[in-house]
Structure formats: C-alpha cells, structure tokens
Amino acid sequence: MEHKMNTVDIDTTNMCSHLRHKLMDNDGIYHHLWQQINDDPDLTAVVRSRQLHIYRNGKKVLVLKGKAEPQVIREDAICHLLKEKER
C-alpha cells in the first residue's frame, strides 16, 4: 500500500519561524519543496532541532534550515528543485 506523506502531520510548532515562512508562505523560497513533499509518496519529513529533515525511502537527503544554507546530504531530485529555484 502506498503511503502518501501528509505535511499536515508534521509538527511545525518546533520549527524555526524563518523556515516556517519559507516553507508555508506561497511566496516562500522553499514552498515548491513543501508541495513536492506532499506529492511524492517516497518523501517524508520530520522537524528536528528546529530544522526540516527530508528523507527519501528512509534515507536522509536534505536538511532545510531557517537562516543557514540548506544542507544536501545525498544527491536527489528534491535537491535539484532547490538548485533550480536559486537560479
């Protein structure tokens, strides 16, 4: 059975406020990544240390931070989305 990630299930209360705006606001620089997490059943995310850790099939691929640069752990399609937005 395919489990679809529901970003509503992510506890954003412990997320850095800067990061929350970048993800949740329609004009936020990470908003397209937030949508991708919702649309891709292989992606999951969890808030740790006020940052958003993104996983594909259980392996960490990306850490989004509020004020600091995103940390790419593994090359992944979602990381390419991040780079496209920066251009």
PDB file of N, CA and C in Angstrom:
ATOM      1  N   MET A   1       0.840  -1.190   0.000  1.00  0.00           N
ATOM      2  CA  MET A   1       0.000   0.000   0.000  1.00  0.00           C
ATOM      3  C   MET A   1       0.881   1.248   0.000  1.00  0.00           C
ATOM      4  N   GLU A   2       0.569   2.169  -0.831  1.00  0.00           N
ATOM      5  CA  GLU A   2       1.339   3.400  -0.958  1.00  0.00           C
ATOM      6  C   GLU A   2       0.900   4.394   0.112  1.00  0.00           C
ATOM      7  N   HIS A   3       1.870   4.865   0.899  1.00  0.00           N
ATOM      8  CA  HIS A   3       1.561   5.858   1.925  1.00  0.00           C
ATOM      9  C   HIS A   3       1.965   7.233   1.423  1.00  0.00           C
ATOM     10  N   LYS A   4       1.018   8.115   1.381  1.00  0.00           N
ATOM     11  CA  LYS A   4       1.300   9.473   0.942  1.00  0.00           C
ATOM     12  C   LYS A   4       1.612  10.339   2.152  1.00  0.00           C
ATOM     13  N   MET A   5       2.719  11.059   2.089  1.00  0.00           N
ATOM     14  CA  MET A   5       3.105  11.945   3.189  1.00  0.00           C
ATOM     15  C   MET A   5       2.095  13.072   3.279  1.00  0.00           C
ATOM     16  N   ASN A   6       1.643  13.316   4.474  1.00  0.00           N
ATOM     17  CA  ASN A   6       0.732  14.430   4.664  1.00  0.00           C
ATOM     18  C   ASN A   6       1.455  15.468   5.500  1.00  0.00           C
ATOM     19  N   THR A   7       1.780  16.591   4.897  1.00  0.00           N
ATOM     20  CA  THR A   7       2.537  17.613   5.610  1.00  0.00           C
ATOM     21  C   THR A   7       1.740  18.185   6.778  1.00  0.00           C
ATOM     22  N   VAL A   8       0.445  17.928   6.828  1.00  0.00           N
ATOM     23  CA  VAL A   8      -0.357  18.360   7.969  1.00  0.00           C
ATOM     24  C   VAL A   8       0.107  17.606   9.217  1.00  0.00           C
ATOM     25  N   ASP A   9       0.641  16.392   9.037  1.00  0.00           N
ATOM     26  CA  ASP A   9       1.100  15.572  10.159  1.00  0.00           C
ATOM     27  C   ASP A   9       2.428  16.057  10.740  1.00  0.00           C
ATOM     28  N   ILE A  10       3.127  16.932  10.043  1.00  0.00           N
ATOM     29  CA  ILE A  10       4.420  17.414  10.524  1.00  0.00           C
ATOM     30  C   ILE A  10       4.192  18.481  11.590  1.00  0.00           C
ATOM     31  N   ASP A  11       4.840  18.297  12.720  1.00  0.00           N
ATOM     32  CA  ASP A  11       4.702  19.239  13.830  1.00  0.00           C
ATOM     33  C   ASP A  11       5.580  20.457  13.565  1.00  0.00           C
ATOM     34  N   THR A  12       4.964  21.519  13.103  1.00  0.00           N
ATOM     35  CA  THR A  12       5.730  22.727  12.762  1.00  0.00           C
ATOM     36  C   THR A  12       5.879  23.674  13.952  1.00  0.00           C
ATOM     37  N   THR A  13       5.330  23.321  15.110  1.00  0.00           N
ATOM     38  CA  THR A  13       5.425  24.229  16.256  1.00  0.00           C
ATOM     39  C   THR A  13       6.864  24.369  16.735  1.00  0.00           C
ATOM     40  N   ASN A  14       7.687  23.342  16.532  1.00  0.00           N
ATOM     41  CA  ASN A  14       9.092  23.408  16.951  1.00  0.00           C
ATOM     42  C   ASN A  14      10.019  23.841  15.820  1.00  0.00           C
ATOM     43  N   MET A  15       9.438  24.221  14.700  1.00  0.00           N
ATOM     44  CA  MET A  15      10.231  24.631  13.542  1.00  0.00           C
ATOM     45  C   MET A  15      10.632  26.098  13.686  1.00  0.00           C
ATOM     46  N   CYS A  16      11.810  26.417  13.228  1.00  0.00           N
ATOM     47  CA  CYS A  16      12.274  27.801  13.202  1.00  0.00           C
ATOM     48  C   CYS A  16      11.260  28.665  12.445  1.00  0.00           C
ATOM     49  N   SER A  17      10.920  29.824  12.996  1.00  0.00           N
ATOM     50  CA  SER A  17       9.890  30.663  12.369  1.00  0.00           C
ATOM     51  C   SER A  17      10.311  31.119  10.967  1.00  0.00           C
ATOM     52  N   HIS A  18      11.595  31.370  10.769  1.00  0.00           N
ATOM     53  CA  HIS A  18      12.074  31.759   9.433  1.00  0.00           C
ATOM     54  C   HIS A  18      11.817  30.628   8.436  1.00  0.00           C
ATOM     55  N   LEU A  19      12.127  29.413   8.856  1.00  0.00           N
ATOM     56  CA  LEU A  19      11.934  28.256   7.995  1.00  0.00           C
ATOM     57  C   LEU A  19      10.452  28.028   7.722  1.00  0.00           C
ATOM     58  N   ARG A  20       9.632  28.195   8.741  1.00  0.00           N
ATOM     59  CA  ARG A  20       8.189  28.002   8.566  1.00  0.00           C
ATOM     60  C   ARG A  20       7.653  28.936   7.489  1.00  0.00           C
ATOM     61  N   HIS A  21       8.086  30.201   7.499  1.00  0.00           N
ATOM     62  CA  HIS A  21       7.638  31.150   6.472  1.00  0.00           C
ATOM     63  C   HIS A  21       8.155  30.759   5.092  1.00  0.00           C
ATOM     64  N   LYS A  22       9.399  30.310   5.017  1.00  0.00           N
ATOM     65  CA  LYS A  22       9.973  29.912   3.723  1.00  0.00           C
ATOM     66  C   LYS A  22       9.231  28.717   3.132  1.00  0.00           C
ATOM     67  N   LEU A  23       8.721  27.846   3.993  1.00  0.00           N
ATOM     68  CA  LEU A  23       8.002  26.651   3.534  1.00  0.00           C
ATOM     69  C   LEU A  23       6.524  26.903   3.285  1.00  0.00           C
ATOM     70  N   MET A  24       5.874  27.554   4.235  1.00  0.00           N
ATOM     71  CA  MET A  24       4.412  27.634   4.228  1.00  0.00           C
ATOM     72  C   MET A  24       3.844  28.765   3.380  1.00  0.00           C
ATOM     73  N   ASP A  25       4.544  29.875   3.314  1.00  0.00           N
ATOM     74  CA  ASP A  25       4.017  31.013   2.556  1.00  0.00           C
ATOM     75  C   ASP A  25       4.120  30.730   1.061  1.00  0.00           C
ATOM     76  N   ASN A  26       3.088  31.094   0.323  1.00  0.00           N
ATOM     77  CA  ASN A  26       3.076  30.831  -1.115  1.00  0.00           C
ATOM     78  C   ASN A  26       4.264  31.431  -1.848  1.00  0.00           C
ATOM     79  N   ASP A  27       4.789  32.543  -1.326  1.00  0.00           N
ATOM     80  CA  ASP A  27       5.945  33.168  -1.988  1.00  0.00           C
ATOM     81  C   ASP A  27       7.268  32.770  -1.318  1.00  0.00           C
ATOM     82  N   GLY A  28       7.223  31.805  -0.391  1.00  0.00           N
ATOM     83  CA  GLY A  28       8.433  31.345   0.290  1.00  0.00           C
ATOM     84  C   GLY A  28       9.357  30.596  -0.658  1.00  0.00           C
ATOM     85  N   ILE A  29      10.671  30.723  -0.421  1.00  0.00           N
ATOM     86  CA  ILE A  29      11.625  30.117  -1.354  1.00  0.00           C
ATOM     87  C   ILE A  29      11.618  28.590  -1.310  1.00  0.00           C
ATOM     88  N   TYR A  30      11.089  27.985  -0.246  1.00  0.00           N
ATOM     89  CA  TYR A  30      11.019  26.523  -0.166  1.00  0.00           C
ATOM     90  C   TYR A  30       9.610  25.988  -0.380  1.00  0.00           C
ATOM     91  N   HIS A  31       8.667  26.859  -0.732  1.00  0.00           N
ATOM     92  CA  HIS A  31       7.273  26.423  -0.839  1.00  0.00           C
ATOM     93  C   HIS A  31       7.102  25.305  -1.879  1.00  0.00           C
ATOM     94  N   HIS A  32       7.826  25.401  -2.986  1.00  0.00           N
ATOM     95  CA  HIS A  32       7.710  24.356  -4.020  1.00  0.00           C
ATOM     96  C   HIS A  32       8.232  23.013  -3.495  1.00  0.00           C
ATOM     97  N   LEU A  33       9.212  23.037  -2.583  1.00  0.00           N
ATOM     98  CA  LEU A  33       9.694  21.796  -1.981  1.00  0.00           C
ATOM     99  C   LEU A  33       8.635  21.207  -1.049  1.00  0.00           C
ATOM    100  N   TRP A  34       7.974  22.072  -0.326  1.00  0.00           N
ATOM    101  CA  TRP A  34       6.894  21.655   0.576  1.00  0.00           C
ATOM    102  C   TRP A  34       5.806  20.940  -0.218  1.00  0.00           C
ATOM    103  N   GLN A  35       5.465  21.501  -1.373  1.00  0.00           N
ATOM    104  CA  GLN A  35       4.451  20.875  -2.233  1.00  0.00           C
ATOM    105  C   GLN A  35       4.942  19.524  -2.751  1.00  0.00           C
ATOM    106  N   GLN A  36       6.220  19.457  -3.093  1.00  0.00           N
ATOM    107  CA  GLN A  36       6.797  18.208  -3.601  1.00  0.00           C
ATOM    108  C   GLN A  36       6.744  17.108  -2.533  1.00  0.00           C
ATOM    109  N   ILE A  37       7.002  17.477  -1.285  1.00  0.00           N
ATOM    110  CA  ILE A  37       6.930  16.505  -0.189  1.00  0.00           C
ATOM    111  C   ILE A  37       5.518  15.932  -0.105  1.00  0.00           C
ATOM    112  N   ASN A  38       4.528  16.784  -0.297  1.00  0.00           N
ATOM    113  CA  ASN A  38       3.131  16.329  -0.285  1.00  0.00           C
ATOM    114  C   ASN A  38       2.817  15.401  -1.449  1.00  0.00           C
ATOM    115  N   ASP A  39       3.397  15.678  -2.616  1.00  0.00           N
ATOM    116  CA  ASP A  39       3.036  14.965  -3.839  1.00  0.00           C
ATOM    117  C   ASP A  39       3.810  13.667  -4.062  1.00  0.00           C
ATOM    118  N   ASP A  40       4.971  13.523  -3.427  1.00  0.00           N
ATOM    119  CA  ASP A  40       5.838  12.373  -3.693  1.00  0.00           C
ATOM    120  C   ASP A  40       5.736  11.370  -2.544  1.00  0.00           C
ATOM    121  N   PRO A  41       5.186  10.182  -2.795  1.00  0.00           N
ATOM    122  CA  PRO A  41       4.996   9.204  -1.716  1.00  0.00           C
ATOM    123  C   PRO A  41       6.307   8.658  -1.145  1.00  0.00           C
ATOM    124  N   ASP A  42       7.422   8.820  -1.854  1.00  0.00           N
ATOM    125  CA  ASP A  42       8.713   8.337  -1.361  1.00  0.00           C
ATOM    126  C   ASP A  42       9.365   9.312  -0.385  1.00  0.00           C
ATOM    127  N   LEU A  43       8.847  10.542  -0.318  1.00  0.00           N
ATOM    128  CA  LEU A  43       9.441  11.560   0.548  1.00  0.00           C
ATOM    129  C   LEU A  43       8.711  11.651   1.875  1.00  0.00           C
ATOM    130  N   THR A  44       9.490  11.757   2.950  1.00  0.00           N
ATOM    131  CA  THR A  44       8.945  12.026   4.269  1.00  0.00           C
ATOM    132  C   THR A  44       9.777  13.139   4.889  1.00  0.00           C
ATOM    133  N   ALA A  45       9.238  13.776   5.896  1.00  0.00           N
ATOM    134  CA  ALA A  45       9.958  14.875   6.541  1.00  0.00           C
ATOM    135  C   ALA A  45       9.623  14.893   8.023  1.00  0.00           C
ATOM    136  N   VAL A  46      10.581  15.373   8.797  1.00  0.00           N
ATOM    137  CA  VAL A  46      10.389  15.478  10.237  1.00  0.00           C
ATOM    138  C   VAL A  46      11.142  16.719  10.724  1.00  0.00           C
ATOM    139  N   VAL A  47      10.581  17.372  11.744  1.00  0.00           N
ATOM    140  CA  VAL A  47      11.238  18.543  12.325  1.00  0.00           C
ATOM    141  C   VAL A  47      12.154  18.062  13.450  1.00  0.00           C
ATOM    142  N   ARG A  48      13.442  18.408  13.323  1.00  0.00           N
ATOM    143  CA  ARG A  48      14.426  18.105  14.366  1.00  0.00           C
ATOM    144  C   ARG A  48      15.287  19.332  14.559  1.00  0.00           C
ATOM    145  N   SER A  49      15.508  19.715  15.797  1.00  0.00           N
ATOM    146  CA  SER A  49      16.356  20.875  16.117  1.00  0.00           C
ATOM    147  C   SER A  49      15.928  22.109  15.329  1.00  0.00           C
ATOM    148  N   ARG A  50      14.609  22.294  15.215  1.00  0.00           N
ATOM    149  CA  ARG A  50      14.011  23.458  14.562  1.00  0.00           C
ATOM    150  C   ARG A  50      14.235  23.473  13.044  1.00  0.00           C
ATOM    151  N   GLN A  51      14.777  22.391  12.491  1.00  0.00           N
ATOM    152  CA  GLN A  51      15.038  22.286  11.055  1.00  0.00           C
ATOM    153  C   GLN A  51      14.154  21.194  10.463  1.00  0.00           C
ATOM    154  N   LEU A  52      13.986  21.229   9.132  1.00  0.00           N
ATOM    155  CA  LEU A  52      13.191  20.196   8.462  1.00  0.00           C
ATOM    156  C   LEU A  52      14.135  19.208   7.789  1.00  0.00           C
ATOM    157  N   HIS A  53      14.082  17.962   8.248  1.00  0.00           N
ATOM    158  CA  HIS A  53      14.902  16.894   7.683  1.00  0.00           C
ATOM    159  C   HIS A  53      14.025  16.125   6.697  1.00  0.00           C
ATOM    160  N   ILE A  54      14.481  16.021   5.460  1.00  0.00           N
ATOM    161  CA  ILE A  54      13.702  15.378   4.398  1.00  0.00           C
ATOM    162  C   ILE A  54      14.370  14.055   4.019  1.00  0.00           C
ATOM    163  N   TYR A  55      13.542  13.019   3.926  1.00  0.00           N
ATOM    164  CA  TYR A  55      14.023  11.674   3.640  1.00  0.00           C
ATOM    165  C   TYR A  55      13.350  11.138   2.385  1.00  0.00           C
ATOM    166  N   ARG A  56      14.094  10.317   1.628  1.00  0.00           N
ATOM    167  CA  ARG A  56      13.514   9.555   0.522  1.00  0.00           C
ATOM    168  C   ARG A  56      13.743   8.084   0.839  1.00  0.00           C
ATOM    169  N   ASN A  57      12.652   7.345   0.911  1.00  0.00           N
ATOM    170  CA  ASN A  57      12.708   5.914   1.245  1.00  0.00           C
ATOM    171  C   ASN A  57      13.532   5.662   2.507  1.00  0.00           C
ATOM    172  N   GLY A  58      13.372   6.531   3.494  1.00  0.00           N
ATOM    173  CA  GLY A  58      14.039   6.329   4.775  1.00  0.00           C
ATOM    174  C   GLY A  58      15.468   6.839   4.866  1.00  0.00           C
ATOM    175  N   LYS A  59      16.025   7.352   3.763  1.00  0.00           N
ATOM    176  CA  LYS A  59      17.398   7.870   3.777  1.00  0.00           C
ATOM    177  C   LYS A  59      17.365   9.390   3.684  1.00  0.00           C
ATOM    178  N   LYS A  60      18.080  10.033   4.604  1.00  0.00           N
ATOM    179  CA  LYS A  60      18.077  11.498   4.634  1.00  0.00           C
ATOM    180  C   LYS A  60      18.740  12.043   3.379  1.00  0.00           C
ATOM    181  N   VAL A  61      18.061  13.020   2.736  1.00  0.00           N
ATOM    182  CA  VAL A  61      18.618  13.626   1.520  1.00  0.00           C
ATOM    183  C   VAL A  61      18.877  15.118   1.674  1.00  0.00           C
ATOM    184  N   LEU A  62      18.126  15.785   2.566  1.00  0.00           N
ATOM    185  CA  LEU A  62      18.217  17.236   2.630  1.00  0.00           C
ATOM    186  C   LEU A  62      17.783  17.732   4.007  1.00  0.00           C
ATOM    187  N   VAL A  63      18.472  18.781   4.483  1.00  0.00           N
ATOM    188  CA  VAL A  63      18.070  19.453   5.720  1.00  0.00           C
ATOM    189  C   VAL A  63      17.849  20.925   5.388  1.00  0.00           C
ATOM    190  N   LEU A  64      16.625  21.401   5.622  1.00  0.00           N
ATOM    191  CA  LEU A  64      16.312  22.812   5.397  1.00  0.00           C
ATOM    192  C   LEU A  64      16.399  23.550   6.719  1.00  0.00           C
ATOM    193  N   LYS A  65      17.074  24.688   6.688  1.00  0.00           N
ATOM    194  CA  LYS A  65      17.303  25.475   7.897  1.00  0.00           C
ATOM    195  C   LYS A  65      16.710  26.857   7.708  1.00  0.00           C
ATOM    196  N   GLY A  66      16.431  27.545   8.809  1.00  0.00           N
ATOM    197  CA  GLY A  66      15.803  28.863   8.737  1.00  0.00           C
ATOM    198  C   GLY A  66      16.683  29.920   8.100  1.00  0.00           C
ATOM    199  N   LYS A  67      17.796  30.225   8.732  1.00  0.00           N
ATOM    200  CA  LYS A  67      18.665  31.290   8.240  1.00  0.00           C
ATOM    201  C   LYS A  67      19.889  30.751   7.511  1.00  0.00           C
ATOM    202  N   ALA A  68      20.318  29.540   7.848  1.00  0.00           N
ATOM    203  CA  ALA A  68      21.518  28.955   7.239  1.00  0.00           C
ATOM    204  C   ALA A  68      21.188  28.329   5.879  1.00  0.00           C
ATOM    205  N   GLU A  69      22.241  28.043   5.130  1.00  0.00           N
ATOM    206  CA  GLU A  69      22.080  27.393   3.829  1.00  0.00           C
ATOM    207  C   GLU A  69      21.528  25.974   4.019  1.00  0.00           C
ATOM    208  N   PRO A  70      20.735  25.502   3.062  1.00  0.00           N
ATOM    209  CA  PRO A  70      20.248  24.119   3.137  1.00  0.00           C
ATOM    210  C   PRO A  70      21.444  23.157   3.070  1.00  0.00           C
ATOM    211  N   GLN A  71      21.311  22.034   3.723  1.00  0.00           N
ATOM    212  CA  GLN A  71      22.385  21.046   3.738  1.00  0.00           C
ATOM    213  C   GLN A  71      21.962  19.847   2.902  1.00  0.00           C
ATOM    214  N   VAL A  72      22.655  19.627   1.779  1.00  0.00           N
ATOM    215  CA  VAL A  72      22.370  18.482   0.915  1.00  0.00           C
ATOM    216  C   VAL A  72      23.161  17.288   1.454  1.00  0.00           C
ATOM    217  N   ILE A  73      22.455  16.244   1.814  1.00  0.00           N
ATOM    218  CA  ILE A  73      23.087  15.037   2.354  1.00  0.00           C
ATOM    219  C   ILE A  73      23.406  14.061   1.217  1.00  0.00           C
ATOM    220  N   ARG A  74      22.445  13.874   0.324  1.00  0.00           N
ATOM    221  CA  ARG A  74      22.594  12.988  -0.846  1.00  0.00           C
ATOM    222  C   ARG A  74      22.021  13.678  -2.056  1.00  0.00           C
ATOM    223  N   GLU A  75      22.589  13.384  -3.210  1.00  0.00           N
ATOM    224  CA  GLU A  75      22.009  13.908  -4.449  1.00  0.00           C
ATOM    225  C   GLU A  75      20.623  13.280  -4.618  1.00  0.00           C
ATOM    226  N   ASP A  76      19.637  14.115  -4.886  1.00  0.00           N
ATOM    227  CA  ASP A  76      18.259  13.646  -5.017  1.00  0.00           C
ATOM    228  C   ASP A  76      17.495  14.643  -5.876  1.00  0.00           C
ATOM    229  N   ALA A  77      16.396  14.191  -6.443  1.00  0.00           N
ATOM    230  CA  ALA A  77      15.579  15.065  -7.283  1.00  0.00           C
ATOM    231  C   ALA A  77      15.122  16.307  -6.521  1.00  0.00           C
ATOM    232  N   ILE A  78      14.800  16.176  -5.250  1.00  0.00           N
ATOM    233  CA  ILE A  78      14.328  17.339  -4.490  1.00  0.00           C
ATOM    234  C   ILE A  78      15.452  18.354  -4.293  1.00  0.00           C
ATOM    235  N   CYS A  79      16.690  17.875  -4.232  1.00  0.00           N
ATOM    236  CA  CYS A  79      17.838  18.790  -4.127  1.00  0.00           C
ATOM    237  C   CYS A  79      17.985  19.594  -5.421  1.00  0.00           C
ATOM    238  N   HIS A  80      17.695  18.959  -6.540  1.00  0.00           N
ATOM    239  CA  HIS A  80      17.765  19.672  -7.830  1.00  0.00           C
ATOM    240  C   HIS A  80      16.699  20.759  -7.898  1.00  0.00           C
ATOM    241  N   LEU A  81      15.529  20.503  -7.298  1.00  0.00           N
ATOM    242  CA  LEU A  81      14.487  21.530  -7.236  1.00  0.00           C
ATOM    243  C   LEU A  81      14.995  22.749  -6.464  1.00  0.00           C
ATOM    244  N   LEU A  82      15.731  22.499  -5.420  1.00  0.00           N
ATOM    245  CA  LEU A  82      16.298  23.560  -4.593  1.00  0.00           C
ATOM    246  C   LEU A  82      17.247  24.422  -5.429  1.00  0.00           C
ATOM    247  N   LYS A  83      18.099  23.769  -6.208  1.00  0.00           N
ATOM    248  CA  LYS A  83      19.073  24.488  -7.029  1.00  0.00           C
ATOM    249  C   LYS A  83      18.401  25.278  -8.150  1.00  0.00           C
ATOM    250  N   GLU A  84      17.338  24.718  -8.721  1.00  0.00           N
ATOM    251  CA  GLU A  84      16.609  25.407  -9.798  1.00  0.00           C
ATOM    252  C   GLU A  84      16.022  26.722  -9.289  1.00  0.00           C
ATOM    253  N   LYS A  85      15.512  26.721  -8.064  1.00  0.00           N
ATOM    254  CA  LYS A  85      14.862  27.896  -7.513  1.00  0.00           C
ATOM    255  C   LYS A  85      15.884  29.016  -7.244  1.00  0.00           C
ATOM    256  N   GLU A  86      17.142  28.633  -6.950  1.00  0.00           N
ATOM    257  CA  GLU A  86      18.170  29.624  -6.632  1.00  0.00           C
ATOM    258  C   GLU A  86      18.629  30.397  -7.870  1.00  0.00           C
ATOM    259  N   ARG A  87      18.423  29.826  -9.047  1.00  0.00           N
ATOM    260  CA  ARG A  87      18.889  30.480 -10.278  1.00  0.00           C
ATOM    261  C   ARG A  87      18.056  31.665 -10.649  1.00  0.00           C
TER     262      ARG A  87
END
